[in-house]
Amino acid sequence: MGKVFDMDSPFMRVMSRIGDLLFLNIIMIICCIPVITAGAAFTAMHYVLLKIVRKEEGYLVRGFLKSFKQNFKQATIIWLIMLLVIAIFVGDFLIFSYSGIEFSKVFTIVFFAVAVVLLMGAVYVFPILARFDNTIKNTFKNAFSMAILNLPRTIIMVILLFIPFLIVYFSTYATFFVIMFGISGPALASAYLYSDIFKKFEPDEAKPVSDYDFSVNVDEENEGE
């Protein structure tokens, strides 16, 4: 029985991971309350989760705060751009639904197709910002490149993004579970998917380098192949 509670036992590793996800979820909720800080919070969360997936994790809080501070400016600008785009699409959707104006099917299809493409790119933006040092323009550009080039994984990542909303929609009793793991849980699953994608664009080094010691542009890497 004692071995079950050893720090290196499978049971304790699972419990430790659950604790990390719970703590990350709480931090995320707190950091997202001011709204404007949400972009930096998502970036910091993905920084920590990628470390966890690659078994490189250290102090969770220290890693989160490091990324939050280091990427705050870029993440906030990116987040505000994304909020503006979301507001435009929500406004257009409300016009489609309640204005009484008859829109052509082609226009409606194009509208939703563009929305889907933007959503697919969006799921990569903050993970890329957490891992690669790039301009805002290249961060968006690389996000859409990765989304299109890795379509099956991208679709799964989009589905993972909506799972917490679906859980709450079908069962309000599960709201507490979503509050505990609804952000960090799906994000961890996504980290397992994009970790291998990122490795294709990371520098090959004989010895590990500290984070943010390099700048990578996806398109530049592809042109060199």
C-alpha atoms as a PDB file:
ATOM      1  CA  MET A   1       0.000   0.000   0.000  1.00  0.00           C
ATOM      2  CA  GLY A   2       2.896   2.314   0.786  1.00  0.00           C
ATOM      3  CA  LYS A   3       4.187   2.071  -2.763  1.00  0.00           C
ATOM      4  CA  VAL A   4       0.916   3.474  -4.101  1.00  0.00           C
ATOM      5  CA  PHE A   5       1.595   6.733  -2.276  1.00  0.00           C
ATOM      6  CA  ASP A   6       5.267   6.953  -3.265  1.00  0.00           C
ATOM      7  CA  MET A   7       5.931  10.181  -5.165  1.00  0.00           C
ATOM      8  CA  ASP A   8       7.137   8.202  -8.220  1.00  0.00           C
ATOM      9  CA  SER A   9       4.196   5.788  -8.291  1.00  0.00           C
ATOM     10  CA  PRO A  10       1.774   5.939 -11.265  1.00  0.00           C
ATOM     11  CA  PHE A  11      -1.076   6.890  -8.908  1.00  0.00           C
ATOM     12  CA  MET A  12       0.782   9.842  -7.422  1.00  0.00           C
ATOM     13  CA  ARG A  13       1.947  11.015 -10.860  1.00  0.00           C
ATOM     14  CA  VAL A  14      -1.657  11.023 -12.061  1.00  0.00           C
ATOM     15  CA  MET A  15      -2.805  12.879  -8.945  1.00  0.00           C
ATOM     16  CA  SER A  16       0.013  15.388  -9.358  1.00  0.00           C
ATOM     17  CA  ARG A  17      -0.995  16.007 -12.979  1.00  0.00           C
ATOM     18  CA  ILE A  18      -4.641  16.487 -11.968  1.00  0.00           C
ATOM     19  CA  GLY A  19      -3.497  18.968  -9.336  1.00  0.00           C
ATOM     20  CA  ASP A  20      -1.437  20.870 -11.925  1.00  0.00           C
ATOM     21  CA  LEU A  21      -4.407  21.088 -14.291  1.00  0.00           C
ATOM     22  CA  LEU A  22      -6.707  22.256 -11.501  1.00  0.00           C
ATOM     23  CA  PHE A  23      -4.236  24.925 -10.405  1.00  0.00           C
ATOM     24  CA  LEU A  24      -3.679  26.075 -14.002  1.00  0.00           C
ATOM     25  CA  ASN A  25      -7.423  26.317 -14.558  1.00  0.00           C
ATOM     26  CA  ILE A  26      -7.849  28.492 -11.473  1.00  0.00           C
ATOM     27  CA  ILE A  27      -4.986  30.772 -12.542  1.00  0.00           C
ATOM     28  CA  MET A  28      -6.499  31.048 -16.018  1.00  0.00           C
ATOM     29  CA  ILE A  29      -9.932  32.019 -14.693  1.00  0.00           C
ATOM     30  CA  ILE A  30      -8.407  34.661 -12.405  1.00  0.00           C
ATOM     31  CA  CYS A  31      -6.194  36.080 -15.176  1.00  0.00           C
ATOM     32  CA  CYS A  32      -9.067  36.184 -17.668  1.00  0.00           C
ATOM     33  CA  ILE A  33     -11.362  38.211 -15.394  1.00  0.00           C
ATOM     34  CA  PRO A  34      -9.835  41.569 -16.478  1.00  0.00           C
ATOM     35  CA  VAL A  35     -10.433  40.353 -20.103  1.00  0.00           C
ATOM     36  CA  ILE A  36      -7.524  42.355 -21.534  1.00  0.00           C
ATOM     37  CA  THR A  37      -5.016  40.019 -19.832  1.00  0.00           C
ATOM     38  CA  ALA A  38      -6.576  36.857 -21.296  1.00  0.00           C
ATOM     39  CA  GLY A  39      -4.168  36.691 -24.247  1.00  0.00           C
ATOM     40  CA  ALA A  40      -1.102  36.685 -22.003  1.00  0.00           C
ATOM     41  CA  ALA A  41      -2.793  34.122 -19.751  1.00  0.00           C
ATOM     42  CA  PHE A  42      -3.515  31.733 -22.637  1.00  0.00           C
ATOM     43  CA  THR A  43       0.063  32.098 -23.851  1.00  0.00           C
ATOM     44  CA  ALA A  44       1.468  31.382 -20.383  1.00  0.00           C
ATOM     45  CA  MET A  45      -0.811  28.359 -19.984  1.00  0.00           C
ATOM     46  CA  HIS A  46       0.372  26.855 -23.272  1.00  0.00           C
ATOM     47  CA  TYR A  47       3.983  27.534 -22.294  1.00  0.00           C
ATOM     48  CA  VAL A  48       3.499  25.459 -19.133  1.00  0.00           C
ATOM     49  CA  LEU A  49       1.470  22.725 -20.844  1.00  0.00           C
ATOM     50  CA  LEU A  50       4.046  22.220 -23.592  1.00  0.00           C
ATOM     51  CA  LYS A  51       6.680  21.810 -20.874  1.00  0.00           C
ATOM     52  CA  ILE A  52       4.457  19.213 -19.182  1.00  0.00           C
ATOM     53  CA  VAL A  53       3.890  17.275 -22.418  1.00  0.00           C
ATOM     54  CA  ARG A  54       7.634  17.189 -23.099  1.00  0.00           C
ATOM     55  CA  LYS A  55       8.400  16.259 -19.488  1.00  0.00           C
ATOM     56  CA  GLU A  56      10.427  19.446 -19.024  1.00  0.00           C
ATOM     57  CA  GLU A  57       8.227  21.008 -16.380  1.00  0.00           C
ATOM     58  CA  GLY A  58       9.731  22.851 -13.452  1.00  0.00           C
ATOM     59  CA  TYR A  59       7.884  25.179 -11.100  1.00  0.00           C
ATOM     60  CA  LEU A  60       4.412  25.677 -12.532  1.00  0.00           C
ATOM     61  CA  VAL A  61       3.782  29.160 -11.130  1.00  0.00           C
ATOM     62  CA  ARG A  62       7.274  30.406 -11.994  1.00  0.00           C
ATOM     63  CA  GLY A  63       6.954  29.164 -15.586  1.00  0.00           C
ATOM     64  CA  PHE A  64       3.475  30.665 -15.954  1.00  0.00           C
ATOM     65  CA  LEU A  65       4.522  34.072 -14.629  1.00  0.00           C
ATOM     66  CA  LYS A  66       7.698  34.063 -16.733  1.00  0.00           C
ATOM     67  CA  SER A  67       5.774  33.560 -19.958  1.00  0.00           C
ATOM     68  CA  PHE A  68       2.961  35.896 -18.878  1.00  0.00           C
ATOM     69  CA  LYS A  69       5.405  38.733 -18.303  1.00  0.00           C
ATOM     70  CA  GLN A  70       7.636  38.038 -21.296  1.00  0.00           C
ATOM     71  CA  ASN A  71       4.803  37.791 -23.828  1.00  0.00           C
ATOM     72  CA  PHE A  72       2.367  40.268 -22.297  1.00  0.00           C
ATOM     73  CA  LYS A  73       2.711  43.025 -24.919  1.00  0.00           C
ATOM     74  CA  GLN A  74       2.477  40.810 -28.010  1.00  0.00           C
ATOM     75  CA  ALA A  75      -0.184  38.571 -26.491  1.00  0.00           C
ATOM     76  CA  THR A  76      -2.353  41.544 -25.530  1.00  0.00           C
ATOM     77  CA  ILE A  77      -2.147  43.114 -28.995  1.00  0.00           C
ATOM     78  CA  ILE A  78      -2.967  39.761 -30.608  1.00  0.00           C
ATOM     79  CA  TRP A  79      -5.847  39.207 -28.181  1.00  0.00           C
ATOM     80  CA  LEU A  80      -7.334  42.641 -28.914  1.00  0.00           C
ATOM     81  CA  ILE A  81      -7.125  41.943 -32.667  1.00  0.00           C
ATOM     82  CA  MET A  82      -8.880  38.623 -32.126  1.00  0.00           C
ATOM     83  CA  LEU A  83     -11.569  40.258 -29.978  1.00  0.00           C
ATOM     84  CA  LEU A  84     -12.213  42.803 -32.738  1.00  0.00           C
ATOM     85  CA  VAL A  85     -12.568  40.034 -35.336  1.00  0.00           C
ATOM     86  CA  ILE A  86     -14.883  38.081 -33.004  1.00  0.00           C
ATOM     87  CA  ALA A  87     -17.021  41.194 -32.448  1.00  0.00           C
ATOM     88  CA  ILE A  88     -17.327  41.749 -36.213  1.00  0.00           C
ATOM     89  CA  PHE A  89     -18.368  38.147 -36.858  1.00  0.00           C
ATOM     90  CA  VAL A  90     -20.823  38.084 -33.961  1.00  0.00           C
ATOM     91  CA  GLY A  91     -22.327  41.343 -35.205  1.00  0.00           C
ATOM     92  CA  ASP A  92     -22.645  39.964 -38.734  1.00  0.00           C
ATOM     93  CA  PHE A  93     -24.205  36.759 -37.406  1.00  0.00           C
ATOM     94  CA  LEU A  94     -26.809  38.751 -35.473  1.00  0.00           C
ATOM     95  CA  ILE A  95     -27.599  40.719 -38.633  1.00  0.00           C
ATOM     96  CA  PHE A  96     -28.024  37.459 -40.564  1.00  0.00           C
ATOM     97  CA  SER A  97     -30.303  36.048 -37.878  1.00  0.00           C
ATOM     98  CA  TYR A  98     -32.494  38.994 -36.877  1.00  0.00           C
ATOM     99  CA  SER A  99     -32.409  41.710 -39.545  1.00  0.00           C
ATOM    100  CA  GLY A 100     -34.955  40.019 -41.777  1.00  0.00           C
ATOM    101  CA  ILE A 101     -32.730  40.675 -44.802  1.00  0.00           C
ATOM    102  CA  GLU A 102     -32.530  37.812 -47.298  1.00  0.00           C
ATOM    103  CA  PHE A 103     -28.875  36.879 -47.921  1.00  0.00           C
ATOM    104  CA  SER A 104     -27.794  34.603 -50.774  1.00  0.00           C
ATOM    105  CA  LYS A 105     -26.695  31.076 -49.930  1.00  0.00           C
ATOM    106  CA  VAL A 106     -23.283  31.697 -51.503  1.00  0.00           C
ATOM    107  CA  PHE A 107     -22.679  34.701 -49.251  1.00  0.00           C
ATOM    108  CA  THR A 108     -23.748  32.724 -46.165  1.00  0.00           C
ATOM    109  CA  ILE A 109     -21.510  29.776 -47.059  1.00  0.00           C
ATOM    110  CA  VAL A 110     -18.526  32.070 -47.636  1.00  0.00           C
ATOM    111  CA  PHE A 111     -19.169  33.825 -44.315  1.00  0.00           C
ATOM    112  CA  PHE A 112     -19.181  30.597 -42.323  1.00  0.00           C
ATOM    113  CA  ALA A 113     -16.230  29.166 -44.282  1.00  0.00           C
ATOM    114  CA  VAL A 114     -14.144  32.228 -43.407  1.00  0.00           C
ATOM    115  CA  ALA A 115     -15.230  31.941 -39.769  1.00  0.00           C
ATOM    116  CA  VAL A 116     -14.126  28.279 -39.657  1.00  0.00           C
ATOM    117  CA  VAL A 117     -10.720  29.060 -41.208  1.00  0.00           C
ATOM    118  CA  LEU A 118     -10.155  31.886 -38.717  1.00  0.00           C
ATOM    119  CA  LEU A 119     -11.109  29.577 -35.847  1.00  0.00           C
ATOM    120  CA  MET A 120      -8.680  26.908 -37.047  1.00  0.00           C
ATOM    121  CA  GLY A 121      -5.852  29.423 -37.151  1.00  0.00           C
ATOM    122  CA  ALA A 122      -6.823  30.857 -33.767  1.00  0.00           C
ATOM    123  CA  VAL A 123      -6.210  27.581 -31.911  1.00  0.00           C
ATOM    124  CA  TYR A 124      -2.506  27.780 -32.853  1.00  0.00           C
ATOM    125  CA  VAL A 125      -1.870  31.461 -32.172  1.00  0.00           C
ATOM    126  CA  PHE A 126      -1.139  31.417 -28.440  1.00  0.00           C
ATOM    127  CA  PRO A 127       0.745  28.081 -28.465  1.00  0.00           C
ATOM    128  CA  ILE A 128       3.002  29.494 -31.213  1.00  0.00           C
ATOM    129  CA  LEU A 129       3.502  32.706 -29.275  1.00  0.00           C
ATOM    130  CA  ALA A 130       4.417  30.664 -26.193  1.00  0.00           C
ATOM    131  CA  ARG A 131       7.081  28.668 -28.056  1.00  0.00           C
ATOM    132  CA  PHE A 132       8.457  30.847 -30.860  1.00  0.00           C
ATOM    133  CA  ASP A 133       9.855  34.350 -30.922  1.00  0.00           C
ATOM    134  CA  ASN A 134       8.289  36.138 -33.877  1.00  0.00           C
ATOM    135  CA  THR A 135       6.522  39.287 -34.991  1.00  0.00           C
ATOM    136  CA  ILE A 136       2.754  39.547 -34.570  1.00  0.00           C
ATOM    137  CA  LYS A 137       2.308  39.319 -38.333  1.00  0.00           C
ATOM    138  CA  ASN A 138       4.380  36.138 -38.592  1.00  0.00           C
ATOM    139  CA  THR A 139       2.674  34.637 -35.560  1.00  0.00           C
ATOM    140  CA  PHE A 140      -0.694  34.882 -37.330  1.00  0.00           C
ATOM    141  CA  LYS A 141       0.837  33.763 -40.631  1.00  0.00           C
ATOM    142  CA  ASN A 142       2.458  30.724 -39.050  1.00  0.00           C
ATOM    143  CA  ALA A 143      -0.733  29.844 -37.160  1.00  0.00           C
ATOM    144  CA  PHE A 144      -2.757  29.616 -40.382  1.00  0.00           C
ATOM    145  CA  SER A 145       0.039  27.715 -42.156  1.00  0.00           C
ATOM    146  CA  MET A 146       0.163  25.121 -39.395  1.00  0.00           C
ATOM    147  CA  ALA A 147      -3.635  24.883 -39.262  1.00  0.00           C
ATOM    148  CA  ILE A 148      -3.941  24.119 -42.979  1.00  0.00           C
ATOM    149  CA  LEU A 149      -0.893  21.837 -43.213  1.00  0.00           C
ATOM    150  CA  ASN A 150      -2.029  19.757 -40.220  1.00  0.00           C
ATOM    151  CA  LEU A 151      -5.770  19.723 -40.892  1.00  0.00           C
ATOM    152  CA  PRO A 152      -6.739  16.478 -39.092  1.00  0.00           C
ATOM    153  CA  ARG A 153      -5.063  17.596 -35.856  1.00  0.00           C
ATOM    154  CA  THR A 154      -6.470  21.088 -36.288  1.00  0.00           C
ATOM    155  CA  ILE A 155     -10.020  19.746 -36.487  1.00  0.00           C
ATOM    156  CA  ILE A 156      -9.484  17.751 -33.288  1.00  0.00           C
ATOM    157  CA  MET A 157      -8.090  20.848 -31.547  1.00  0.00           C
ATOM    158  CA  VAL A 158     -11.160  22.869 -32.565  1.00  0.00           C
ATOM    159  CA  ILE A 159     -13.446  20.122 -31.248  1.00  0.00           C
ATOM    160  CA  LEU A 160     -11.505  20.074 -27.970  1.00  0.00           C
ATOM    161  CA  LEU A 161     -12.038  23.830 -27.683  1.00  0.00           C
ATOM    162  CA  PHE A 162     -15.822  23.387 -27.737  1.00  0.00           C
ATOM    163  CA  ILE A 163     -16.077  20.329 -25.477  1.00  0.00           C
ATOM    164  CA  PRO A 164     -16.478  22.347 -22.209  1.00  0.00           C
ATOM    165  CA  PHE A 165     -19.330  24.374 -23.769  1.00  0.00           C
ATOM    166  CA  LEU A 166     -21.045  21.191 -24.966  1.00  0.00           C
ATOM    167  CA  ILE A 167     -20.701  19.594 -21.531  1.00  0.00           C
ATOM    168  CA  VAL A 168     -22.330  22.597 -19.839  1.00  0.00           C
ATOM    169  CA  TYR A 169     -25.035  22.764 -22.530  1.00  0.00           C
ATOM    170  CA  PHE A 170     -26.081  19.151 -22.024  1.00  0.00           C
ATOM    171  CA  SER A 171     -25.574  19.049 -18.250  1.00  0.00           C
ATOM    172  CA  THR A 172     -25.547  22.093 -15.984  1.00  0.00           C
ATOM    173  CA  TYR A 173     -24.473  19.762 -13.173  1.00  0.00           C
ATOM    174  CA  ALA A 174     -21.094  19.442 -14.918  1.00  0.00           C
ATOM    175  CA  THR A 175     -20.408  23.187 -14.624  1.00  0.00           C
ATOM    176  CA  PHE A 176     -18.286  22.664 -11.510  1.00  0.00           C
ATOM    177  CA  PHE A 177     -16.134  20.119 -13.369  1.00  0.00           C
ATOM    178  CA  VAL A 178     -15.682  22.599 -16.239  1.00  0.00           C
ATOM    179  CA  ILE A 179     -14.655  25.302 -13.753  1.00  0.00           C
ATOM    180  CA  MET A 180     -11.986  22.936 -12.422  1.00  0.00           C
ATOM    181  CA  PHE A 181     -10.630  21.583 -15.728  1.00  0.00           C
ATOM    182  CA  GLY A 182     -12.569  23.170 -18.601  1.00  0.00           C
ATOM    183  CA  ILE A 183      -9.696  25.336 -19.872  1.00  0.00           C
ATOM    184  CA  SER A 184      -6.528  23.468 -18.931  1.00  0.00           C
ATOM    185  CA  GLY A 185      -7.867  19.966 -19.716  1.00  0.00           C
ATOM    186  CA  PRO A 186      -8.658  20.481 -23.423  1.00  0.00           C
ATOM    187  CA  ALA A 187      -5.544  22.678 -23.755  1.00  0.00           C
ATOM    188  CA  LEU A 188      -3.361  19.829 -22.449  1.00  0.00           C
ATOM    189  CA  ALA A 189      -4.877  17.455 -25.006  1.00  0.00           C
ATOM    190  CA  SER A 190      -4.162  20.037 -27.720  1.00  0.00           C
ATOM    191  CA  ALA A 191      -0.569  20.369 -26.499  1.00  0.00           C
ATOM    192  CA  TYR A 192      -0.038  16.667 -27.191  1.00  0.00           C
ATOM    193  CA  LEU A 193      -1.223  17.305 -30.757  1.00  0.00           C
ATOM    194  CA  TYR A 194       0.812  20.415 -31.581  1.00  0.00           C
ATOM    195  CA  SER A 195       4.017  19.394 -29.769  1.00  0.00           C
ATOM    196  CA  ASP A 196       5.208  17.200 -32.656  1.00  0.00           C
ATOM    197  CA  ILE A 197       4.211  19.861 -35.189  1.00  0.00           C
ATOM    198  CA  PHE A 198       6.370  22.435 -33.421  1.00  0.00           C
ATOM    199  CA  LYS A 199       9.382  20.114 -33.392  1.00  0.00           C
ATOM    200  CA  LYS A 200       9.578  20.362 -37.177  1.00  0.00           C
ATOM    201  CA  PHE A 201      10.365  24.062 -36.853  1.00  0.00           C
ATOM    202  CA  GLU A 202      12.556  24.049 -33.769  1.00  0.00           C
ATOM    203  CA  PRO A 203      16.350  24.208 -34.060  1.00  0.00           C
ATOM    204  CA  ASP A 204      18.316  20.963 -33.851  1.00  0.00           C
ATOM    205  CA  GLU A 205      20.830  21.423 -31.083  1.00  0.00           C
ATOM    206  CA  ALA A 206      23.210  19.010 -29.433  1.00  0.00           C
ATOM    207  CA  LYS A 207      22.396  20.484 -26.054  1.00  0.00           C
ATOM    208  CA  PRO A 208      19.198  22.071 -24.748  1.00  0.00           C
ATOM    209  CA  VAL A 209      18.801  25.828 -25.098  1.00  0.00           C
ATOM    210  CA  SER A 210      16.925  28.099 -22.781  1.00  0.00           C
ATOM    211  CA  ASP A 211      13.481  29.209 -23.869  1.00  0.00           C
ATOM    212  CA  TYR A 212      13.139  32.136 -26.252  1.00  0.00           C
ATOM    213  CA  ASP A 213      16.750  31.804 -27.485  1.00  0.00           C
ATOM    214  CA  PHE A 214      15.606  31.501 -31.074  1.00  0.00           C
ATOM    215  CA  SER A 215      13.249  32.945 -33.667  1.00  0.00           C
ATOM    216  CA  VAL A 216      11.541  30.713 -36.194  1.00  0.00           C
ATOM    217  CA  ASN A 217       9.308  31.577 -39.140  1.00  0.00           C
ATOM    218  CA  VAL A 218       7.329  28.603 -40.449  1.00  0.00           C
ATOM    219  CA  ASP A 219       7.290  29.793 -44.034  1.00  0.00           C
ATOM    220  CA  GLU A 220      11.021  30.455 -44.042  1.00  0.00           C
ATOM    221  CA  GLU A 221      11.617  26.933 -42.737  1.00  0.00           C
ATOM    222  CA  ASN A 222       9.444  25.423 -45.466  1.00  0.00           C
ATOM    223  CA  GLU A 223      11.217  27.382 -48.195  1.00  0.00           C
ATOM    224  CA  GLY A 224      14.532  25.937 -47.077  1.00  0.00           C
ATOM    225  CA  GLU A 225      13.370  22.358 -47.456  1.00  0.00           C
END
